[in-house]
Amino acid sequence: MNTRWLLKMARWAQNPPSPAKVKFVLGIVVLCLALAAYEHFYGWPDALTPNRDVHRGYKP
């Protein structure tokens, strides 16, 4: 860990972020984890997978 990170942590310890900002960041982290868990257990939906053959001139 370099000195810049230590100084940043010291500054955060002296002036912590507001509770609203902490809740906002934690909410984003929880949303990302929920999406990752959904994809892990249910897989990526076929409707969201791009069709690569469209750009190559593929015609069925």
C-alpha atoms as a PDB file:
ATOM      1  CA  MET A   1       0.000   0.000   0.000  1.00  0.00           C
ATOM      2  CA  ASN A   2       1.458   3.330  -0.959  1.00  0.00           C
ATOM      3  CA  THR A   3       1.469   6.593   0.959  1.00  0.00           C
ATOM      4  CA  ARG A   4      -1.340   8.145  -1.070  1.00  0.00           C
ATOM      5  CA  TRP A   5      -3.819   5.488   0.093  1.00  0.00           C
ATOM      6  CA  LEU A   6      -2.744   5.921   3.706  1.00  0.00           C
ATOM      7  CA  LEU A   7      -3.288   9.677   3.486  1.00  0.00           C
ATOM      8  CA  LYS A   8      -6.690   9.152   1.868  1.00  0.00           C
ATOM      9  CA  MET A   9      -7.736   6.748   4.649  1.00  0.00           C
ATOM     10  CA  ALA A  10      -6.574   9.248   7.281  1.00  0.00           C
ATOM     11  CA  ARG A  11      -8.615  11.993   5.609  1.00  0.00           C
ATOM     12  CA  TRP A  12     -11.691   9.743   5.522  1.00  0.00           C
ATOM     13  CA  ALA A  13     -11.206   8.900   9.223  1.00  0.00           C
ATOM     14  CA  GLN A  14     -11.132  12.617  10.069  1.00  0.00           C
ATOM     15  CA  ASN A  15     -14.036  13.563   7.768  1.00  0.00           C
ATOM     16  CA  PRO A  16     -16.222  10.491   7.222  1.00  0.00           C
ATOM     17  CA  PRO A  17     -18.834  10.558   4.453  1.00  0.00           C
ATOM     18  CA  SER A  18     -22.451  11.267   5.314  1.00  0.00           C
ATOM     19  CA  PRO A  19     -24.763   8.367   6.196  1.00  0.00           C
ATOM     20  CA  ALA A  20     -26.772   9.042   3.028  1.00  0.00           C
ATOM     21  CA  LYS A  21     -23.677   8.591   0.859  1.00  0.00           C
ATOM     22  CA  VAL A  22     -22.749   5.376   2.691  1.00  0.00           C
ATOM     23  CA  LYS A  23     -26.276   4.006   2.149  1.00  0.00           C
ATOM     24  CA  PHE A  24     -26.141   4.982  -1.525  1.00  0.00           C
ATOM     25  CA  VAL A  25     -22.820   3.206  -2.109  1.00  0.00           C
ATOM     26  CA  LEU A  26     -23.931   0.123  -0.179  1.00  0.00           C
ATOM     27  CA  GLY A  27     -27.152   0.051  -2.192  1.00  0.00           C
ATOM     28  CA  ILE A  28     -25.172   0.040  -5.442  1.00  0.00           C
ATOM     29  CA  VAL A  29     -22.919  -2.743  -4.143  1.00  0.00           C
ATOM     30  CA  VAL A  30     -25.945  -4.826  -3.100  1.00  0.00           C
ATOM     31  CA  LEU A  31     -27.585  -4.284  -6.501  1.00  0.00           C
ATOM     32  CA  CYS A  32     -24.420  -5.418  -8.308  1.00  0.00           C
ATOM     33  CA  LEU A  33     -24.130  -8.499  -6.107  1.00  0.00           C
ATOM     34  CA  ALA A  34     -27.800  -9.336  -6.688  1.00  0.00           C
ATOM     35  CA  LEU A  35     -27.356  -9.098 -10.467  1.00  0.00           C
ATOM     36  CA  ALA A  36     -24.225 -11.253 -10.318  1.00  0.00           C
ATOM     37  CA  ALA A  37     -26.035 -13.859  -8.201  1.00  0.00           C
ATOM     38  CA  TYR A  38     -29.013 -13.894 -10.581  1.00  0.00           C
ATOM     39  CA  GLU A  39     -26.733 -14.443 -13.554  1.00  0.00           C
ATOM     40  CA  HIS A  40     -24.798 -17.137 -11.715  1.00  0.00           C
ATOM     41  CA  PHE A  41     -27.873 -19.144 -10.751  1.00  0.00           C
ATOM     42  CA  TYR A  42     -30.138 -18.526 -13.765  1.00  0.00           C
ATOM     43  CA  GLY A  43     -27.652 -17.747 -16.531  1.00  0.00           C
ATOM     44  CA  TRP A  44     -27.503 -14.989 -19.107  1.00  0.00           C
ATOM     45  CA  PRO A  45     -30.820 -14.542 -20.981  1.00  0.00           C
ATOM     46  CA  ASP A  46     -30.696 -15.404 -24.685  1.00  0.00           C
ATOM     47  CA  ALA A  47     -32.628 -12.248 -25.551  1.00  0.00           C
ATOM     48  CA  LEU A  48     -29.722 -10.117 -24.306  1.00  0.00           C
ATOM     49  CA  THR A  49     -27.052 -12.001 -26.241  1.00  0.00           C
ATOM     50  CA  PRO A  50     -26.023 -10.108 -29.377  1.00  0.00           C
ATOM     51  CA  ASN A  51     -26.343 -11.910 -32.679  1.00  0.00           C
ATOM     52  CA  ARG A  52     -22.831 -11.879 -34.122  1.00  0.00           C
ATOM     53  CA  ASP A  53     -23.884 -13.235 -37.500  1.00  0.00           C
ATOM     54  CA  VAL A  54     -25.826 -10.081 -38.424  1.00  0.00           C
ATOM     55  CA  HIS A  55     -22.651  -8.151 -39.169  1.00  0.00           C
ATOM     56  CA  ARG A  56     -21.126 -10.952 -41.214  1.00  0.00           C
ATOM     57  CA  GLY A  57     -23.945 -11.071 -43.705  1.00  0.00           C
ATOM     58  CA  TYR A  58     -25.425 -14.324 -42.389  1.00  0.00           C
ATOM     59  CA  LYS A  59     -28.796 -15.137 -43.942  1.00  0.00           C
ATOM     60  CA  PRO A  60     -30.700 -18.198 -42.710  1.00  0.00           C
END
